[in-house]
Amino acid sequence: MRSLLTQDLFPLTRIVKKMNIKNDIKAIAKDLSGLSDEEKLKVKDSLNIDLMMLFIENIGSAEKEIYKLLSNLSGKTEKEIAEQKLIETIDMLKEIFNDDQFDDFFGVAVKSLH
């Protein structure tokens, strides 16, 4: 699966909007300023878990958009994504959440919410 690019920003924002999770994201966002690198890493790991769970809880609200995004990132068809084993889809979602570009996207999104 390829890394996130600028072109992925637009489907990601549509997915977040369709899931109606903006306030939830705002509630779990943490200010990392003043923390050591080790503390930042722990907070970011915890935050990624919370975000992934929030995403999975609301995934049904943006099913088609998620298939399309995963298709674009992986080179598979949307049908292949829909019919693949669940663990493969979860692994793809984990890969997105662990992508450094996702951290940048999320950081900008959180700052715009405050």
C-alpha atoms as a PDB file:
ATOM      1  CA  MET A   1       0.000   0.000   0.000  1.00  0.00           C
ATOM      2  CA  ARG A   2       1.363   3.413  -0.886  1.00  0.00           C
ATOM      3  CA  SER A   3       1.860   6.297   1.510  1.00  0.00           C
ATOM      4  CA  LEU A   4      -0.773   9.012   1.825  1.00  0.00           C
ATOM      5  CA  LEU A   5      -0.537  11.888  -0.638  1.00  0.00           C
ATOM      6  CA  THR A   6      -2.189  15.290  -0.958  1.00  0.00           C
ATOM      7  CA  GLN A   7      -4.867  13.770  -3.196  1.00  0.00           C
ATOM      8  CA  ASP A   8      -5.925  11.562  -0.243  1.00  0.00           C
ATOM      9  CA  LEU A   9      -6.718  14.568   1.933  1.00  0.00           C
ATOM     10  CA  PHE A  10     -10.022  15.145   0.180  1.00  0.00           C
ATOM     11  CA  PRO A  11     -11.473  11.649   0.563  1.00  0.00           C
ATOM     12  CA  LEU A  12     -10.224  11.545   4.170  1.00  0.00           C
ATOM     13  CA  THR A  13     -12.016  14.786   5.026  1.00  0.00           C
ATOM     14  CA  ARG A  14     -15.193  13.535   3.305  1.00  0.00           C
ATOM     15  CA  ILE A  15     -15.021  10.319   5.326  1.00  0.00           C
ATOM     16  CA  VAL A  16     -14.587  12.211   8.620  1.00  0.00           C
ATOM     17  CA  LYS A  17     -17.471  14.510   7.693  1.00  0.00           C
ATOM     18  CA  LYS A  18     -19.752  11.672   6.642  1.00  0.00           C
ATOM     19  CA  MET A  19     -18.951   9.779   9.850  1.00  0.00           C
ATOM     20  CA  ASN A  20     -19.866  12.914  11.834  1.00  0.00           C
ATOM     21  CA  ILE A  21     -16.934  12.380  14.229  1.00  0.00           C
ATOM     22  CA  LYS A  22     -15.468  15.890  14.317  1.00  0.00           C
ATOM     23  CA  ASN A  23     -16.520  16.483  17.933  1.00  0.00           C
ATOM     24  CA  ASP A  24     -15.288  13.032  18.944  1.00  0.00           C
ATOM     25  CA  ILE A  25     -11.896  13.755  17.393  1.00  0.00           C
ATOM     26  CA  LYS A  26     -11.778  17.078  19.174  1.00  0.00           C
ATOM     27  CA  ALA A  27     -12.564  15.357  22.482  1.00  0.00           C
ATOM     28  CA  ILE A  28      -9.723  12.849  22.222  1.00  0.00           C
ATOM     29  CA  ALA A  29      -7.122  15.248  20.786  1.00  0.00           C
ATOM     30  CA  LYS A  30      -4.224  15.995  23.105  1.00  0.00           C
ATOM     31  CA  ASP A  31      -1.834  18.920  23.249  1.00  0.00           C
ATOM     32  CA  LEU A  32       1.672  17.486  22.859  1.00  0.00           C
ATOM     33  CA  SER A  33       3.597  20.695  23.450  1.00  0.00           C
ATOM     34  CA  GLY A  34       5.951  20.557  26.420  1.00  0.00           C
ATOM     35  CA  LEU A  35       6.128  16.758  26.448  1.00  0.00           C
ATOM     36  CA  SER A  36       9.331  14.778  26.038  1.00  0.00           C
ATOM     37  CA  ASP A  37       9.773  12.697  22.888  1.00  0.00           C
ATOM     38  CA  GLU A  38       9.047   9.539  24.874  1.00  0.00           C
ATOM     39  CA  GLU A  39       5.855  11.022  26.356  1.00  0.00           C
ATOM     40  CA  LYS A  40       4.760  12.241  22.898  1.00  0.00           C
ATOM     41  CA  LEU A  41       5.228   8.747  21.488  1.00  0.00           C
ATOM     42  CA  LYS A  42       3.096   7.187  24.242  1.00  0.00           C
ATOM     43  CA  VAL A  43       0.336   9.781  23.779  1.00  0.00           C
ATOM     44  CA  LYS A  44       0.415   9.377  19.990  1.00  0.00           C
ATOM     45  CA  ASP A  45       0.180   5.580  20.275  1.00  0.00           C
ATOM     46  CA  SER A  46      -2.792   5.880  22.608  1.00  0.00           C
ATOM     47  CA  LEU A  47      -4.378   8.495  20.361  1.00  0.00           C
ATOM     48  CA  ASN A  48      -3.947   6.299  17.276  1.00  0.00           C
ATOM     49  CA  ILE A  49      -5.733   3.448  19.073  1.00  0.00           C
ATOM     50  CA  ASP A  50      -8.581   5.779  20.085  1.00  0.00           C
ATOM     51  CA  LEU A  51      -8.843   7.161  16.552  1.00  0.00           C
ATOM     52  CA  MET A  52      -8.850   3.724  15.000  1.00  0.00           C
ATOM     53  CA  MET A  53     -11.592   2.553  17.353  1.00  0.00           C
ATOM     54  CA  LEU A  54     -13.631   5.685  16.630  1.00  0.00           C
ATOM     55  CA  PHE A  55     -13.140   5.093  12.920  1.00  0.00           C
ATOM     56  CA  ILE A  56     -14.177   1.422  13.150  1.00  0.00           C
ATOM     57  CA  GLU A  57     -17.232   2.264  15.282  1.00  0.00           C
ATOM     58  CA  ASN A  58     -18.441   4.654  12.572  1.00  0.00           C
ATOM     59  CA  ILE A  59     -17.181   2.852   9.477  1.00  0.00           C
ATOM     60  CA  GLY A  60     -20.666   1.965   8.260  1.00  0.00           C
ATOM     61  CA  SER A  61     -21.464   5.644   7.733  1.00  0.00           C
ATOM     62  CA  ALA A  62     -18.870   5.939   4.963  1.00  0.00           C
ATOM     63  CA  GLU A  63     -18.583   2.418   3.604  1.00  0.00           C
ATOM     64  CA  LYS A  64     -18.351   3.302  -0.085  1.00  0.00           C
ATOM     65  CA  GLU A  65     -15.915   6.154   0.536  1.00  0.00           C
ATOM     66  CA  ILE A  66     -13.659   3.865   2.556  1.00  0.00           C
ATOM     67  CA  TYR A  67     -13.687   1.191  -0.156  1.00  0.00           C
ATOM     68  CA  LYS A  68     -12.756   3.876  -2.666  1.00  0.00           C
ATOM     69  CA  LEU A  69      -9.910   5.254  -0.519  1.00  0.00           C
ATOM     70  CA  LEU A  70      -8.497   1.792   0.231  1.00  0.00           C
ATOM     71  CA  SER A  71      -8.785   0.900  -3.449  1.00  0.00           C
ATOM     72  CA  ASN A  72      -6.861   4.013  -4.428  1.00  0.00           C
ATOM     73  CA  LEU A  73      -4.152   3.372  -1.835  1.00  0.00           C
ATOM     74  CA  SER A  74      -3.733  -0.326  -2.596  1.00  0.00           C
ATOM     75  CA  GLY A  75      -4.358  -0.659  -6.330  1.00  0.00           C
ATOM     76  CA  LYS A  76      -7.115  -3.196  -5.649  1.00  0.00           C
ATOM     77  CA  THR A  77     -10.632  -2.682  -6.941  1.00  0.00           C
ATOM     78  CA  GLU A  78     -13.375  -1.545  -4.586  1.00  0.00           C
ATOM     79  CA  LYS A  79     -15.005  -4.960  -5.066  1.00  0.00           C
ATOM     80  CA  GLU A  80     -11.767  -6.705  -4.060  1.00  0.00           C
ATOM     81  CA  ILE A  81     -11.607  -4.541  -0.928  1.00  0.00           C
ATOM     82  CA  ALA A  82     -15.241  -5.343  -0.072  1.00  0.00           C
ATOM     83  CA  GLU A  83     -14.668  -9.069  -0.534  1.00  0.00           C
ATOM     84  CA  GLN A  84     -11.259  -9.452   1.116  1.00  0.00           C
ATOM     85  CA  LYS A  85     -10.810 -10.976   4.546  1.00  0.00           C
ATOM     86  CA  LEU A  86     -11.665  -8.633   7.406  1.00  0.00           C
ATOM     87  CA  ILE A  87      -8.153  -8.825   8.859  1.00  0.00           C
ATOM     88  CA  GLU A  88      -6.723  -7.534   5.559  1.00  0.00           C
ATOM     89  CA  THR A  89      -8.980  -4.474   5.721  1.00  0.00           C
ATOM     90  CA  ILE A  90      -8.111  -3.862   9.364  1.00  0.00           C
ATOM     91  CA  ASP A  91      -4.411  -4.134   8.512  1.00  0.00           C
ATOM     92  CA  MET A  92      -4.904  -1.565   5.727  1.00  0.00           C
ATOM     93  CA  LEU A  93      -6.632   0.803   8.154  1.00  0.00           C
ATOM     94  CA  LYS A  94      -3.809   0.328  10.671  1.00  0.00           C
ATOM     95  CA  GLU A  95      -1.312   1.164   7.957  1.00  0.00           C
ATOM     96  CA  ILE A  96      -3.157   4.431   7.256  1.00  0.00           C
ATOM     97  CA  PHE A  97      -3.247   5.370  10.935  1.00  0.00           C
ATOM     98  CA  ASN A  98       0.465   4.578  11.311  1.00  0.00           C
ATOM     99  CA  ASP A  99       1.475   6.575   8.229  1.00  0.00           C
ATOM    100  CA  ASP A 100       3.494   9.708   9.115  1.00  0.00           C
ATOM    101  CA  GLN A 101       1.384  11.634   6.611  1.00  0.00           C
ATOM    102  CA  PHE A 102      -1.744  10.700   8.580  1.00  0.00           C
ATOM    103  CA  ASP A 103      -0.175  12.238  11.690  1.00  0.00           C
ATOM    104  CA  ASP A 104       0.333  15.444   9.691  1.00  0.00           C
ATOM    105  CA  PHE A 105      -3.260  15.349   8.399  1.00  0.00           C
ATOM    106  CA  PHE A 106      -4.628  14.707  11.865  1.00  0.00           C
ATOM    107  CA  GLY A 107      -2.465  17.430  13.417  1.00  0.00           C
ATOM    108  CA  VAL A 108      -3.733  20.024  10.943  1.00  0.00           C
ATOM    109  CA  ALA A 109      -7.321  18.838  11.372  1.00  0.00           C
ATOM    110  CA  VAL A 110      -7.149  19.071  15.174  1.00  0.00           C
ATOM    111  CA  LYS A 111      -5.626  22.551  15.069  1.00  0.00           C
ATOM    112  CA  SER A 112      -8.463  23.715  12.825  1.00  0.00           C
ATOM    113  CA  LEU A 113     -11.014  22.436  15.357  1.00  0.00           C
ATOM    114  CA  HIS A 114      -9.668  24.583  18.218  1.00  0.00           C
END
